[in-house]
Amino acid sequence: SPSLGLKFTDVPTGFAAFSKVPLSGWAQMIAFAGTVELFQYVDDPERAPGDFKNAGLLGVPNGFLRLSDEESRKKKLAAELANGRLAMMAIIGMVYQDALSGSAWGDWENYKESKTRALES
């Protein structure tokens, strides 16, 4: 935030970064997510969950490309679900690591008393 004199290098990693985001930044993120939820991807009970009228190929908003082959669509959907599940497990691991060490990137020097280091000499 140039108006607040906040530089990218001033923002720490992990959970500590939440305290550095200005209120206007939080407002922008919430407003953007809210407009996407309320106006772009509107739930239609006639369609399958996640199958939005405004989403084109691979979820591109207002995309003009569509998947006409149902078998290809099912394969891409299964790959997207698998990748999403993998990403959720990865972020859970990073949250756990950040809670233990204070760093989501694995700097265990910040947490020398960890029980997971019990076998180290």
C-alpha atoms as a PDB file:
ATOM      1  CA  SER A   1       0.000   0.000   0.000  1.00  0.00           C
ATOM      2  CA  PRO A   2       1.888   3.075  -1.221  1.00  0.00           C
ATOM      3  CA  SER A   3      -0.499   5.414   0.620  1.00  0.00           C
ATOM      4  CA  LEU A   4       0.381   3.761   3.953  1.00  0.00           C
ATOM      5  CA  GLY A   5       4.079   3.408   3.157  1.00  0.00           C
ATOM      6  CA  LEU A   6       3.810  -0.389   3.326  1.00  0.00           C
ATOM      7  CA  LYS A   7       6.319  -2.229   1.144  1.00  0.00           C
ATOM      8  CA  PHE A   8       6.138  -5.836   0.041  1.00  0.00           C
ATOM      9  CA  THR A   9       9.277  -6.575   2.029  1.00  0.00           C
ATOM     10  CA  ASP A  10       7.532  -5.334   5.203  1.00  0.00           C
ATOM     11  CA  VAL A  11       4.905  -8.090   5.021  1.00  0.00           C
ATOM     12  CA  PRO A  12       5.905 -11.253   6.904  1.00  0.00           C
ATOM     13  CA  THR A  13       5.012 -14.773   5.810  1.00  0.00           C
ATOM     14  CA  GLY A  14       2.333 -16.994   7.297  1.00  0.00           C
ATOM     15  CA  PHE A  15      -0.385 -15.877   9.671  1.00  0.00           C
ATOM     16  CA  ALA A  16       1.573 -12.787  10.663  1.00  0.00           C
ATOM     17  CA  ALA A  17       0.788 -11.306   7.225  1.00  0.00           C
ATOM     18  CA  PHE A  18      -2.904 -10.956   8.133  1.00  0.00           C
ATOM     19  CA  SER A  19      -2.127  -8.176  10.577  1.00  0.00           C
ATOM     20  CA  LYS A  20      -0.330  -6.134   7.903  1.00  0.00           C
ATOM     21  CA  VAL A  21      -3.193  -5.991   5.363  1.00  0.00           C
ATOM     22  CA  PRO A  22      -4.880  -2.566   5.563  1.00  0.00           C
ATOM     23  CA  LEU A  23      -8.632  -2.342   6.104  1.00  0.00           C
ATOM     24  CA  SER A  24      -9.107  -1.091   2.541  1.00  0.00           C
ATOM     25  CA  GLY A  25      -7.347  -4.222   1.285  1.00  0.00           C
ATOM     26  CA  TRP A  26      -9.728  -6.480   3.215  1.00  0.00           C
ATOM     27  CA  ALA A  27     -12.678  -4.461   1.893  1.00  0.00           C
ATOM     28  CA  GLN A  28     -11.481  -4.883  -1.702  1.00  0.00           C
ATOM     29  CA  MET A  29     -11.067  -8.651  -1.329  1.00  0.00           C
ATOM     30  CA  ILE A  30     -14.488  -9.089   0.284  1.00  0.00           C
ATOM     31  CA  ALA A  31     -16.184  -6.839  -2.294  1.00  0.00           C
ATOM     32  CA  PHE A  32     -14.609  -8.723  -5.198  1.00  0.00           C
ATOM     33  CA  ALA A  33     -15.493 -12.168  -3.820  1.00  0.00           C
ATOM     34  CA  GLY A  34     -19.006 -10.961  -3.014  1.00  0.00           C
ATOM     35  CA  THR A  35     -19.684  -9.634  -6.510  1.00  0.00           C
ATOM     36  CA  VAL A  36     -18.433 -12.876  -8.064  1.00  0.00           C
ATOM     37  CA  GLU A  37     -20.651 -14.938  -5.757  1.00  0.00           C
ATOM     38  CA  LEU A  38     -23.747 -12.755  -6.114  1.00  0.00           C
ATOM     39  CA  PHE A  39     -23.618 -11.717  -9.771  1.00  0.00           C
ATOM     40  CA  GLN A  40     -21.170 -13.781 -11.834  1.00  0.00           C
ATOM     41  CA  TYR A  41     -21.676 -17.372 -10.680  1.00  0.00           C
ATOM     42  CA  VAL A  42     -25.323 -17.569  -9.661  1.00  0.00           C
ATOM     43  CA  ASP A  43     -26.550 -20.962  -8.461  1.00  0.00           C
ATOM     44  CA  ASP A  44     -29.147 -22.530 -10.755  1.00  0.00           C
ATOM     45  CA  PRO A  45     -31.124 -25.431  -9.216  1.00  0.00           C
ATOM     46  CA  GLU A  46     -31.721 -26.818 -12.739  1.00  0.00           C
ATOM     47  CA  ARG A  47     -27.985 -27.379 -13.287  1.00  0.00           C
ATOM     48  CA  ALA A  48     -25.454 -29.642 -11.581  1.00  0.00           C
ATOM     49  CA  PRO A  49     -23.525 -28.169  -8.621  1.00  0.00           C
ATOM     50  CA  GLY A  50     -20.656 -26.053  -9.915  1.00  0.00           C
ATOM     51  CA  ASP A  51     -22.051 -25.976 -13.472  1.00  0.00           C
ATOM     52  CA  PHE A  52     -22.667 -22.262 -13.907  1.00  0.00           C
ATOM     53  CA  LYS A  53     -24.284 -20.709 -16.959  1.00  0.00           C
ATOM     54  CA  ASN A  54     -21.713 -17.891 -17.160  1.00  0.00           C
ATOM     55  CA  ALA A  55     -18.685 -20.175 -16.857  1.00  0.00           C
ATOM     56  CA  GLY A  56     -17.033 -21.222 -20.071  1.00  0.00           C
ATOM     57  CA  LEU A  57     -14.268 -23.757 -20.608  1.00  0.00           C
ATOM     58  CA  LEU A  58     -12.389 -24.426 -17.346  1.00  0.00           C
ATOM     59  CA  GLY A  59     -14.524 -21.856 -15.503  1.00  0.00           C
ATOM     60  CA  VAL A  60     -13.414 -18.793 -17.460  1.00  0.00           C
ATOM     61  CA  PRO A  61     -16.119 -16.159 -16.807  1.00  0.00           C
ATOM     62  CA  ASN A  62     -18.347 -15.505 -19.815  1.00  0.00           C
ATOM     63  CA  GLY A  63     -16.158 -17.842 -21.848  1.00  0.00           C
ATOM     64  CA  PHE A  64     -17.345 -18.654 -25.327  1.00  0.00           C
ATOM     65  CA  LEU A  65     -15.543 -22.024 -25.500  1.00  0.00           C
ATOM     66  CA  ARG A  66     -17.544 -24.970 -24.221  1.00  0.00           C
ATOM     67  CA  LEU A  67     -16.810 -28.663 -23.775  1.00  0.00           C
ATOM     68  CA  SER A  68     -19.227 -30.524 -25.998  1.00  0.00           C
ATOM     69  CA  ASP A  69     -17.834 -33.998 -25.277  1.00  0.00           C
ATOM     70  CA  GLU A  70     -19.412 -35.234 -22.031  1.00  0.00           C
ATOM     71  CA  GLU A  71     -16.670 -37.833 -21.455  1.00  0.00           C
ATOM     72  CA  SER A  72     -13.953 -35.168 -21.731  1.00  0.00           C
ATOM     73  CA  ARG A  73     -15.918 -32.929 -19.372  1.00  0.00           C
ATOM     74  CA  LYS A  74     -16.139 -35.715 -16.764  1.00  0.00           C
ATOM     75  CA  LYS A  75     -12.400 -36.409 -17.068  1.00  0.00           C
ATOM     76  CA  LYS A  76     -11.486 -32.729 -16.641  1.00  0.00           C
ATOM     77  CA  LEU A  77     -13.892 -32.401 -13.706  1.00  0.00           C
ATOM     78  CA  ALA A  78     -12.346 -35.435 -11.983  1.00  0.00           C
ATOM     79  CA  ALA A  79      -8.845 -33.975 -12.502  1.00  0.00           C
ATOM     80  CA  GLU A  80      -9.977 -30.618 -11.123  1.00  0.00           C
ATOM     81  CA  LEU A  81     -11.480 -32.265  -8.030  1.00  0.00           C
ATOM     82  CA  ALA A  82      -8.317 -34.316  -7.436  1.00  0.00           C
ATOM     83  CA  ASN A  83      -6.089 -31.248  -7.801  1.00  0.00           C
ATOM     84  CA  GLY A  84      -8.351 -29.256  -5.477  1.00  0.00           C
ATOM     85  CA  ARG A  85      -8.161 -31.956  -2.828  1.00  0.00           C
ATOM     86  CA  LEU A  86      -4.386 -32.094  -3.135  1.00  0.00           C
ATOM     87  CA  ALA A  87      -4.194 -28.304  -2.797  1.00  0.00           C
ATOM     88  CA  MET A  88      -6.361 -28.442   0.347  1.00  0.00           C
ATOM     89  CA  MET A  89      -4.045 -31.024   1.922  1.00  0.00           C
ATOM     90  CA  ALA A  90      -1.007 -28.914   1.011  1.00  0.00           C
ATOM     91  CA  ILE A  91      -2.459 -25.764   2.571  1.00  0.00           C
ATOM     92  CA  ILE A  92      -3.439 -27.695   5.709  1.00  0.00           C
ATOM     93  CA  GLY A  93       0.174 -28.845   5.968  1.00  0.00           C
ATOM     94  CA  MET A  94       1.417 -25.269   5.583  1.00  0.00           C
ATOM     95  CA  VAL A  95      -1.032 -24.028   8.235  1.00  0.00           C
ATOM     96  CA  TYR A  96       0.123 -26.754  10.625  1.00  0.00           C
ATOM     97  CA  GLN A  97       3.785 -25.954   9.926  1.00  0.00           C
ATOM     98  CA  ASP A  98       3.172 -22.230  10.396  1.00  0.00           C
ATOM     99  CA  ALA A  99       1.428 -22.887  13.713  1.00  0.00           C
ATOM    100  CA  LEU A 100       4.350 -25.019  14.934  1.00  0.00           C
ATOM    101  CA  SER A 101       7.319 -23.093  13.634  1.00  0.00           C
ATOM    102  CA  GLY A 102       6.032 -19.589  12.939  1.00  0.00           C
ATOM    103  CA  SER A 103       6.983 -19.980   9.287  1.00  0.00           C
ATOM    104  CA  ALA A 104       4.980 -21.585   6.515  1.00  0.00           C
ATOM    105  CA  TRP A 105       8.183 -22.203   4.566  1.00  0.00           C
ATOM    106  CA  GLY A 106       9.873 -24.585   6.979  1.00  0.00           C
ATOM    107  CA  ASP A 107      12.301 -22.497   8.999  1.00  0.00           C
ATOM    108  CA  TRP A 108      12.557 -24.826  11.994  1.00  0.00           C
ATOM    109  CA  GLU A 109      15.241 -22.664  13.589  1.00  0.00           C
ATOM    110  CA  ASN A 110      12.380 -20.497  14.863  1.00  0.00           C
ATOM    111  CA  TYR A 111      10.959 -23.421  16.846  1.00  0.00           C
ATOM    112  CA  LYS A 112      13.810 -25.351  18.438  1.00  0.00           C
ATOM    113  CA  GLU A 113      11.694 -26.936  21.191  1.00  0.00           C
ATOM    114  CA  SER A 114       9.454 -28.882  18.787  1.00  0.00           C
ATOM    115  CA  LYS A 115       8.554 -32.423  19.831  1.00  0.00           C
ATOM    116  CA  THR A 116       8.979 -33.420  16.198  1.00  0.00           C
ATOM    117  CA  ARG A 117      12.722 -32.763  16.618  1.00  0.00           C
ATOM    118  CA  ALA A 118      13.019 -35.191  19.538  1.00  0.00           C
ATOM    119  CA  LEU A 119      15.180 -37.660  17.614  1.00  0.00           C
ATOM    120  CA  GLU A 120      17.770 -35.059  16.620  1.00  0.00           C
ATOM    121  CA  SER A 121      20.963 -34.937  18.617  1.00  0.00           C
END
